[in-house]
Amino acid sequence: MDRSQIEKVFDILSQNYPLFSEHDNEWMSDGVNSTPFKNSVSVTLSTMTHTKRVIRAAVELF
């Protein structure tokens, strides 16, 4: 795929699917993924337990 094809696909997807920032997403609203480090730690924790627990733990951790 060349750049123009990728941009066309992105435009189509953007029109049909909202961005995370347009959602009430706990990962976004609690800042759990506000930096690459926080995102990596949170994702690692999420492999071990439920999302709501990860968010609570990560908020306290960070």
C-alpha atoms as a PDB file:
ATOM      1  CA  MET A   1       0.000   0.000   0.000  1.00  0.00           C
ATOM      2  CA  ASP A   2       1.208   3.451  -0.755  1.00  0.00           C
ATOM      3  CA  ARG A   3       0.652   6.499   1.420  1.00  0.00           C
ATOM      4  CA  SER A   4      -2.441   7.736  -0.439  1.00  0.00           C
ATOM      5  CA  GLN A   5      -4.148   4.346  -0.046  1.00  0.00           C
ATOM      6  CA  ILE A   6      -3.361   4.261   3.677  1.00  0.00           C
ATOM      7  CA  GLU A   7      -4.728   7.796   4.106  1.00  0.00           C
ATOM      8  CA  LYS A   8      -7.913   6.830   2.243  1.00  0.00           C
ATOM      9  CA  VAL A   9      -8.433   3.805   4.522  1.00  0.00           C
ATOM     10  CA  PHE A  10      -7.801   5.964   7.585  1.00  0.00           C
ATOM     11  CA  ASP A  11     -10.313   8.570   6.370  1.00  0.00           C
ATOM     12  CA  ILE A  12     -12.975   5.910   5.830  1.00  0.00           C
ATOM     13  CA  LEU A  13     -12.367   4.359   9.240  1.00  0.00           C
ATOM     14  CA  SER A  14     -12.321   7.774  10.942  1.00  0.00           C
ATOM     15  CA  GLN A  15     -15.740   8.578   9.534  1.00  0.00           C
ATOM     16  CA  ASN A  16     -17.215   5.321  10.848  1.00  0.00           C
ATOM     17  CA  TYR A  17     -15.462   4.807  14.175  1.00  0.00           C
ATOM     18  CA  PRO A  18     -15.009   7.494  16.833  1.00  0.00           C
ATOM     19  CA  LEU A  19     -11.629   8.122  18.413  1.00  0.00           C
ATOM     20  CA  PHE A  20     -10.888   7.042  21.992  1.00  0.00           C
ATOM     21  CA  SER A  21     -10.901  10.677  23.062  1.00  0.00           C
ATOM     22  CA  GLU A  22     -14.533  10.922  21.918  1.00  0.00           C
ATOM     23  CA  HIS A  23     -15.568   8.125  24.271  1.00  0.00           C
ATOM     24  CA  ASP A  24     -16.090   7.847  27.987  1.00  0.00           C
ATOM     25  CA  ASN A  25     -13.120   5.521  28.187  1.00  0.00           C
ATOM     26  CA  GLU A  26     -11.702   4.834  31.650  1.00  0.00           C
ATOM     27  CA  TRP A  27      -8.183   4.338  30.281  1.00  0.00           C
ATOM     28  CA  MET A  28      -8.320   7.848  28.841  1.00  0.00           C
ATOM     29  CA  SER A  29     -10.223   9.664  31.576  1.00  0.00           C
ATOM     30  CA  ASP A  30      -7.997   8.316  34.360  1.00  0.00           C
ATOM     31  CA  GLY A  31      -4.780   9.072  32.474  1.00  0.00           C
ATOM     32  CA  VAL A  32      -3.647   5.439  32.591  1.00  0.00           C
ATOM     33  CA  ASN A  33      -2.285   5.720  29.057  1.00  0.00           C
ATOM     34  CA  SER A  34      -1.147   9.350  29.089  1.00  0.00           C
ATOM     35  CA  THR A  35       2.505   8.404  28.505  1.00  0.00           C
ATOM     36  CA  PRO A  36       4.145   5.413  26.798  1.00  0.00           C
ATOM     37  CA  PHE A  37       5.499   4.244  30.176  1.00  0.00           C
ATOM     38  CA  LYS A  38       2.094   4.394  31.898  1.00  0.00           C
ATOM     39  CA  ASN A  39       0.495   2.660  28.937  1.00  0.00           C
ATOM     40  CA  SER A  40       3.074  -0.156  28.990  1.00  0.00           C
ATOM     41  CA  VAL A  41       2.730  -0.731  32.729  1.00  0.00           C
ATOM     42  CA  SER A  42      -1.067  -0.667  32.559  1.00  0.00           C
ATOM     43  CA  VAL A  43      -1.217  -3.075  29.644  1.00  0.00           C
ATOM     44  CA  THR A  44       1.175  -5.424  31.421  1.00  0.00           C
ATOM     45  CA  LEU A  45      -1.006  -5.344  34.535  1.00  0.00           C
ATOM     46  CA  SER A  46      -4.138  -5.917  32.463  1.00  0.00           C
ATOM     47  CA  THR A  47      -2.881  -9.328  31.398  1.00  0.00           C
ATOM     48  CA  MET A  48      -3.072 -10.409  35.042  1.00  0.00           C
ATOM     49  CA  THR A  49      -6.493  -9.097  36.172  1.00  0.00           C
ATOM     50  CA  HIS A  50      -9.668  -7.228  35.191  1.00  0.00           C
ATOM     51  CA  THR A  51      -9.594  -3.787  33.600  1.00  0.00           C
ATOM     52  CA  LYS A  52     -11.372  -2.001  36.457  1.00  0.00           C
ATOM     53  CA  ARG A  53      -8.820  -3.341  38.959  1.00  0.00           C
ATOM     54  CA  VAL A  54      -5.941  -2.316  36.708  1.00  0.00           C
ATOM     55  CA  ILE A  55      -7.302   1.215  36.414  1.00  0.00           C
ATOM     56  CA  ARG A  56      -7.733   1.556  40.186  1.00  0.00           C
ATOM     57  CA  ALA A  57      -4.234   0.183  40.831  1.00  0.00           C
ATOM     58  CA  ALA A  58      -2.610   2.254  38.088  1.00  0.00           C
ATOM     59  CA  VAL A  59      -4.202   5.498  39.273  1.00  0.00           C
ATOM     60  CA  GLU A  60      -2.803   4.888  42.749  1.00  0.00           C
ATOM     61  CA  LEU A  61       0.551   3.779  41.348  1.00  0.00           C
ATOM     62  CA  PHE A  62       1.060   6.792  39.127  1.00  0.00           C
END
